[in-house]
Amino acid sequence: MRIILFILSLSFANISFAHEFYFAFAEVEYDEMTNRIEATLTVSTHDFEYYLQQKGIIQGDLNKSKSDSLKMQLIEEEIIKHFNLSEGINVDYNNKNQKPYLDQLKLDGFETNLTGTVEFYLSMNVYQPLKSIVITFDILMEQYPNQQNKLYFITRDKKRTIDFLNSKKVQIVELN
């Protein structure tokens, strides 16, 4: 009986190492008083490292890239390709003199956690009040088709939860 239990426990242990679903989380806060948007993006460290290695951006440990400004720039570009905020319906594309509503999202830094996740800290300036914001959040979706991302959007003491799937990578958040 002990042998059977031991074999069963080993087989369940092997199943638990392979995960079929992948998740990333983001918290985005729009502060109208300071005219800033700050975001924290949390992804699995080993999944994101593997993704960056496949793209040829890093070799090995993500933390070793912190002191390399070129690698940090490439990591920032890769994040912003797949996690981005834009002006959306606020823009009058016929008005050539219209000033931008948003600055470019930038990576302020990151931390790897003992829990197996990495947190990326991003921010941007807001130049004019926003009516809505378009959010693209498809990080790791091309690498992992079952990737599911969840975003918490906070403004004016309201918190909204938005789900992003491979079939729904871009969403509009109304701020009225």
C-alpha atoms as a PDB file:
ATOM      1  CA  MET A   1       0.000   0.000   0.000  1.00  0.00           C
ATOM      2  CA  ARG A   2       2.825   2.420   0.820  1.00  0.00           C
ATOM      3  CA  ILE A   3       4.445   1.723  -2.531  1.00  0.00           C
ATOM      4  CA  ILE A   4       1.214   2.540  -4.362  1.00  0.00           C
ATOM      5  CA  LEU A   5       0.819   5.788  -2.421  1.00  0.00           C
ATOM      6  CA  PHE A   6       4.443   6.676  -3.146  1.00  0.00           C
ATOM      7  CA  ILE A   7       3.996   6.056  -6.890  1.00  0.00           C
ATOM      8  CA  LEU A   8       0.762   8.070  -6.946  1.00  0.00           C
ATOM      9  CA  SER A   9       2.388  10.975  -5.113  1.00  0.00           C
ATOM     10  CA  LEU A  10       5.278  10.993  -7.618  1.00  0.00           C
ATOM     11  CA  SER A  11       2.897  11.037 -10.566  1.00  0.00           C
ATOM     12  CA  PHE A  12       0.926  13.950  -9.063  1.00  0.00           C
ATOM     13  CA  ALA A  13       4.174  15.791  -8.376  1.00  0.00           C
ATOM     14  CA  ASN A  14       5.137  15.523 -12.054  1.00  0.00           C
ATOM     15  CA  ILE A  15       1.751  16.870 -13.103  1.00  0.00           C
ATOM     16  CA  SER A  16       2.070  19.875 -10.791  1.00  0.00           C
ATOM     17  CA  PHE A  17       5.348  21.034 -12.402  1.00  0.00           C
ATOM     18  CA  ALA A  18       3.802  21.406 -15.863  1.00  0.00           C
ATOM     19  CA  HIS A  19       1.280  24.181 -15.875  1.00  0.00           C
ATOM     20  CA  GLU A  20      -1.206  24.480 -18.670  1.00  0.00           C
ATOM     21  CA  PHE A  21      -2.414  28.007 -17.916  1.00  0.00           C
ATOM     22  CA  TYR A  22      -0.394  31.170 -17.557  1.00  0.00           C
ATOM     23  CA  PHE A  23      -1.390  34.373 -15.790  1.00  0.00           C
ATOM     24  CA  ALA A  24      -0.137  37.930 -15.590  1.00  0.00           C
ATOM     25  CA  PHE A  25      -1.583  40.664 -13.432  1.00  0.00           C
ATOM     26  CA  ALA A  26      -1.408  44.429 -13.613  1.00  0.00           C
ATOM     27  CA  GLU A  27      -2.558  47.219 -11.371  1.00  0.00           C
ATOM     28  CA  VAL A  28      -2.935  50.577 -13.084  1.00  0.00           C
ATOM     29  CA  GLU A  29      -3.727  53.736 -11.162  1.00  0.00           C
ATOM     30  CA  TYR A  30      -4.692  57.010 -12.828  1.00  0.00           C
ATOM     31  CA  ASP A  31      -4.210  59.932 -10.441  1.00  0.00           C
ATOM     32  CA  GLU A  32      -5.946  62.986 -11.876  1.00  0.00           C
ATOM     33  CA  MET A  33      -4.468  65.250  -9.196  1.00  0.00           C
ATOM     34  CA  THR A  34      -0.840  64.500 -10.105  1.00  0.00           C
ATOM     35  CA  ASN A  35      -1.569  63.831 -13.795  1.00  0.00           C
ATOM     36  CA  ARG A  36       0.230  60.501 -13.680  1.00  0.00           C
ATOM     37  CA  ILE A  37      -0.481  56.894 -14.393  1.00  0.00           C
ATOM     38  CA  GLU A  38       1.488  54.304 -12.474  1.00  0.00           C
ATOM     39  CA  ALA A  39       1.354  50.584 -13.125  1.00  0.00           C
ATOM     40  CA  THR A  40       2.719  47.417 -11.625  1.00  0.00           C
ATOM     41  CA  LEU A  41       2.897  44.440 -13.955  1.00  0.00           C
ATOM     42  CA  THR A  42       3.370  41.013 -12.337  1.00  0.00           C
ATOM     43  CA  VAL A  43       4.349  37.966 -14.387  1.00  0.00           C
ATOM     44  CA  SER A  44       5.905  34.582 -13.721  1.00  0.00           C
ATOM     45  CA  THR A  45       9.670  35.071 -13.574  1.00  0.00           C
ATOM     46  CA  HIS A  46      10.622  31.829 -15.302  1.00  0.00           C
ATOM     47  CA  ASP A  47       7.981  32.249 -18.053  1.00  0.00           C
ATOM     48  CA  PHE A  48       9.105  35.816 -18.785  1.00  0.00           C
ATOM     49  CA  GLU A  49      12.797  34.923 -18.624  1.00  0.00           C
ATOM     50  CA  TYR A  50      12.187  32.084 -21.056  1.00  0.00           C
ATOM     51  CA  TYR A  51      10.249  34.441 -23.341  1.00  0.00           C
ATOM     52  CA  LEU A  52      13.081  37.021 -23.303  1.00  0.00           C
ATOM     53  CA  GLN A  53      15.668  34.284 -23.907  1.00  0.00           C
ATOM     54  CA  GLN A  54      13.712  33.029 -26.920  1.00  0.00           C
ATOM     55  CA  LYS A  55      13.691  36.602 -28.278  1.00  0.00           C
ATOM     56  CA  GLY A  56      17.477  36.832 -27.749  1.00  0.00           C
ATOM     57  CA  ILE A  57      17.123  39.729 -25.302  1.00  0.00           C
ATOM     58  CA  ILE A  58      18.691  38.053 -22.261  1.00  0.00           C
ATOM     59  CA  GLN A  59      20.734  34.979 -21.476  1.00  0.00           C
ATOM     60  CA  GLY A  60      20.059  33.446 -18.092  1.00  0.00           C
ATOM     61  CA  ASP A  61      18.854  35.366 -15.060  1.00  0.00           C
ATOM     62  CA  LEU A  62      16.660  38.449 -15.543  1.00  0.00           C
ATOM     63  CA  ASN A  63      18.244  40.173 -12.521  1.00  0.00           C
ATOM     64  CA  LYS A  64      21.615  40.284 -14.264  1.00  0.00           C
ATOM     65  CA  SER A  65      20.099  42.663 -16.823  1.00  0.00           C
ATOM     66  CA  LYS A  66      19.504  45.459 -14.297  1.00  0.00           C
ATOM     67  CA  SER A  67      23.007  46.873 -14.696  1.00  0.00           C
ATOM     68  CA  ASP A  68      22.971  46.663 -18.508  1.00  0.00           C
ATOM     69  CA  SER A  69      21.225  49.754 -19.915  1.00  0.00           C
ATOM     70  CA  LEU A  70      20.889  48.270 -23.412  1.00  0.00           C
ATOM     71  CA  LYS A  71      19.208  45.127 -22.085  1.00  0.00           C
ATOM     72  CA  MET A  72      16.939  47.230 -19.876  1.00  0.00           C
ATOM     73  CA  GLN A  73      15.925  49.259 -22.932  1.00  0.00           C
ATOM     74  CA  LEU A  74      15.168  46.056 -24.872  1.00  0.00           C
ATOM     75  CA  ILE A  75      13.161  44.659 -21.947  1.00  0.00           C
ATOM     76  CA  GLU A  76      11.220  47.931 -21.721  1.00  0.00           C
ATOM     77  CA  GLU A  77      10.473  47.849 -25.461  1.00  0.00           C
ATOM     78  CA  GLU A  78       9.283  44.253 -25.229  1.00  0.00           C
ATOM     79  CA  ILE A  79       7.014  44.999 -22.265  1.00  0.00           C
ATOM     80  CA  ILE A  80       5.527  48.080 -23.942  1.00  0.00           C
ATOM     81  CA  LYS A  81       4.791  46.096 -27.119  1.00  0.00           C
ATOM     82  CA  HIS A  82       2.523  43.866 -25.064  1.00  0.00           C
ATOM     83  CA  PHE A  83       1.365  46.109 -22.220  1.00  0.00           C
ATOM     84  CA  ASN A  84       0.434  49.578 -23.337  1.00  0.00           C
ATOM     85  CA  LEU A  85      -1.942  52.420 -22.613  1.00  0.00           C
ATOM     86  CA  SER A  86      -3.123  54.820 -25.294  1.00  0.00           C
ATOM     87  CA  GLU A  87      -5.418  57.779 -25.727  1.00  0.00           C
ATOM     88  CA  GLY A  88      -8.133  56.130 -27.777  1.00  0.00           C
ATOM     89  CA  ILE A  89     -11.289  58.183 -28.307  1.00  0.00           C
ATOM     90  CA  ASN A  90      -9.815  61.271 -26.651  1.00  0.00           C
ATOM     91  CA  VAL A  91      -7.875  62.087 -29.808  1.00  0.00           C
ATOM     92  CA  ASP A  92      -9.200  64.267 -32.612  1.00  0.00           C
ATOM     93  CA  TYR A  93      -7.077  62.960 -35.469  1.00  0.00           C
ATOM     94  CA  ASN A  94      -8.232  65.821 -37.752  1.00  0.00           C
ATOM     95  CA  ASN A  95      -6.717  68.447 -35.448  1.00  0.00           C
ATOM     96  CA  LYS A  96      -3.025  68.720 -36.348  1.00  0.00           C
ATOM     97  CA  ASN A  97      -2.386  71.087 -33.403  1.00  0.00           C
ATOM     98  CA  GLN A  98      -3.807  68.801 -30.757  1.00  0.00           C
ATOM     99  CA  LYS A  99      -1.379  68.102 -27.954  1.00  0.00           C
ATOM    100  CA  PRO A 100      -0.935  64.514 -26.788  1.00  0.00           C
ATOM    101  CA  TYR A 101      -2.937  63.303 -23.831  1.00  0.00           C
ATOM    102  CA  LEU A 102      -0.382  60.763 -22.683  1.00  0.00           C
ATOM    103  CA  ASP A 103       3.360  60.488 -22.480  1.00  0.00           C
ATOM    104  CA  GLN A 104       5.100  57.259 -23.503  1.00  0.00           C
ATOM    105  CA  LEU A 105       4.880  54.509 -20.898  1.00  0.00           C
ATOM    106  CA  LYS A 106       8.310  53.908 -19.371  1.00  0.00           C
ATOM    107  CA  LEU A 107       9.863  51.202 -17.254  1.00  0.00           C
ATOM    108  CA  ASP A 108      11.005  52.590 -13.905  1.00  0.00           C
ATOM    109  CA  GLY A 109      12.454  49.314 -12.628  1.00  0.00           C
ATOM    110  CA  PHE A 110      11.637  45.779 -11.546  1.00  0.00           C
ATOM    111  CA  GLU A 111      11.971  43.342  -8.674  1.00  0.00           C
ATOM    112  CA  THR A 112      11.984  39.569  -8.667  1.00  0.00           C
ATOM    113  CA  ASN A 113      10.196  37.959  -5.750  1.00  0.00           C
ATOM    114  CA  LEU A 114      10.816  34.732  -3.885  1.00  0.00           C
ATOM    115  CA  THR A 115       7.293  33.698  -4.912  1.00  0.00           C
ATOM    116  CA  GLY A 116       8.479  33.163  -8.498  1.00  0.00           C
ATOM    117  CA  THR A 117       7.087  36.396  -9.888  1.00  0.00           C
ATOM    118  CA  VAL A 118       8.652  39.567 -11.206  1.00  0.00           C
ATOM    119  CA  GLU A 119       7.073  42.996 -10.733  1.00  0.00           C
ATOM    120  CA  PHE A 120       7.718  45.648 -13.342  1.00  0.00           C
ATOM    121  CA  TYR A 121       7.071  49.258 -12.329  1.00  0.00           C
ATOM    122  CA  LEU A 122       5.929  51.568 -15.108  1.00  0.00           C
ATOM    123  CA  SER A 123       4.685  55.143 -15.284  1.00  0.00           C
ATOM    124  CA  MET A 124       3.610  57.876 -17.649  1.00  0.00           C
ATOM    125  CA  ASN A 125       2.521  61.489 -17.511  1.00  0.00           C
ATOM    126  CA  VAL A 126      -0.987  62.579 -18.456  1.00  0.00           C
ATOM    127  CA  TYR A 127      -1.101  65.981 -20.171  1.00  0.00           C
ATOM    128  CA  GLN A 128      -4.855  66.423 -20.512  1.00  0.00           C
ATOM    129  CA  PRO A 129      -7.816  64.891 -18.658  1.00  0.00           C
ATOM    130  CA  LEU A 130      -8.858  61.563 -20.145  1.00  0.00           C
ATOM    131  CA  LYS A 131     -12.368  60.429 -21.077  1.00  0.00           C
ATOM    132  CA  SER A 132     -11.185  56.906 -21.728  1.00  0.00           C
ATOM    133  CA  ILE A 133      -8.051  54.881 -22.079  1.00  0.00           C
ATOM    134  CA  VAL A 134      -7.255  51.988 -24.412  1.00  0.00           C
ATOM    135  CA  ILE A 135      -5.313  49.182 -22.751  1.00  0.00           C
ATOM    136  CA  THR A 136      -3.420  46.478 -24.593  1.00  0.00           C
ATOM    137  CA  PHE A 137      -2.387  43.611 -22.320  1.00  0.00           C
ATOM    138  CA  ASP A 138      -1.293  40.588 -24.340  1.00  0.00           C
ATOM    139  CA  ILE A 139       2.015  39.912 -22.621  1.00  0.00           C
ATOM    140  CA  LEU A 140       3.131  36.283 -23.112  1.00  0.00           C
ATOM    141  CA  MET A 141       0.043  35.469 -25.212  1.00  0.00           C
ATOM    142  CA  GLU A 142       2.019  34.730 -28.367  1.00  0.00           C
ATOM    143  CA  GLN A 143       4.328  32.416 -26.397  1.00  0.00           C
ATOM    144  CA  TYR A 144       1.590  30.752 -24.347  1.00  0.00           C
ATOM    145  CA  PRO A 145      -1.797  30.465 -26.115  1.00  0.00           C
ATOM    146  CA  ASN A 146      -3.592  29.798 -22.803  1.00  0.00           C
ATOM    147  CA  GLN A 147      -2.243  33.001 -21.238  1.00  0.00           C
ATOM    148  CA  GLN A 148      -4.867  34.928 -19.267  1.00  0.00           C
ATOM    149  CA  ASN A 149      -4.189  38.421 -17.991  1.00  0.00           C
ATOM    150  CA  LYS A 150      -6.088  40.391 -15.380  1.00  0.00           C
ATOM    151  CA  LEU A 151      -5.870  44.115 -14.786  1.00  0.00           C
ATOM    152  CA  TYR A 152      -7.093  46.204 -11.886  1.00  0.00           C
ATOM    153  CA  PHE A 153      -7.747  49.793 -12.945  1.00  0.00           C
ATOM    154  CA  ILE A 154      -8.010  52.363 -10.165  1.00  0.00           C
ATOM    155  CA  THR A 155      -9.180  55.952 -10.501  1.00  0.00           C
ATOM    156  CA  ARG A 156     -11.231  58.278  -8.294  1.00  0.00           C
ATOM    157  CA  ASP A 157     -11.405  55.625  -5.570  1.00  0.00           C
ATOM    158  CA  LYS A 158     -13.038  53.195  -8.015  1.00  0.00           C
ATOM    159  CA  LYS A 159     -11.446  49.853  -8.795  1.00  0.00           C
ATOM    160  CA  ARG A 160     -12.378  47.853 -11.888  1.00  0.00           C
ATOM    161  CA  THR A 161     -11.281  44.386 -12.884  1.00  0.00           C
ATOM    162  CA  ILE A 162     -10.660  43.738 -16.569  1.00  0.00           C
ATOM    163  CA  ASP A 163      -9.857  40.349 -18.083  1.00  0.00           C
ATOM    164  CA  PHE A 164      -7.658  39.950 -21.165  1.00  0.00           C
ATOM    165  CA  LEU A 165      -7.683  36.745 -23.190  1.00  0.00           C
ATOM    166  CA  ASN A 166      -6.107  35.715 -26.466  1.00  0.00           C
ATOM    167  CA  SER A 167      -9.435  36.586 -28.085  1.00  0.00           C
ATOM    168  CA  LYS A 168      -9.670  39.939 -26.250  1.00  0.00           C
ATOM    169  CA  LYS A 169      -6.235  41.577 -26.013  1.00  0.00           C
ATOM    170  CA  VAL A 170      -7.344  45.228 -26.159  1.00  0.00           C
ATOM    171  CA  GLN A 171      -9.999  46.903 -23.997  1.00  0.00           C
ATOM    172  CA  ILE A 172     -11.323  50.431 -23.566  1.00  0.00           C
ATOM    173  CA  VAL A 173     -11.852  51.797 -20.060  1.00  0.00           C
ATOM    174  CA  GLU A 174     -14.378  54.648 -19.829  1.00  0.00           C
ATOM    175  CA  LEU A 175     -13.460  57.152 -17.130  1.00  0.00           C
ATOM    176  CA  ASN A 176     -16.759  59.067 -16.784  1.00  0.00           C
END
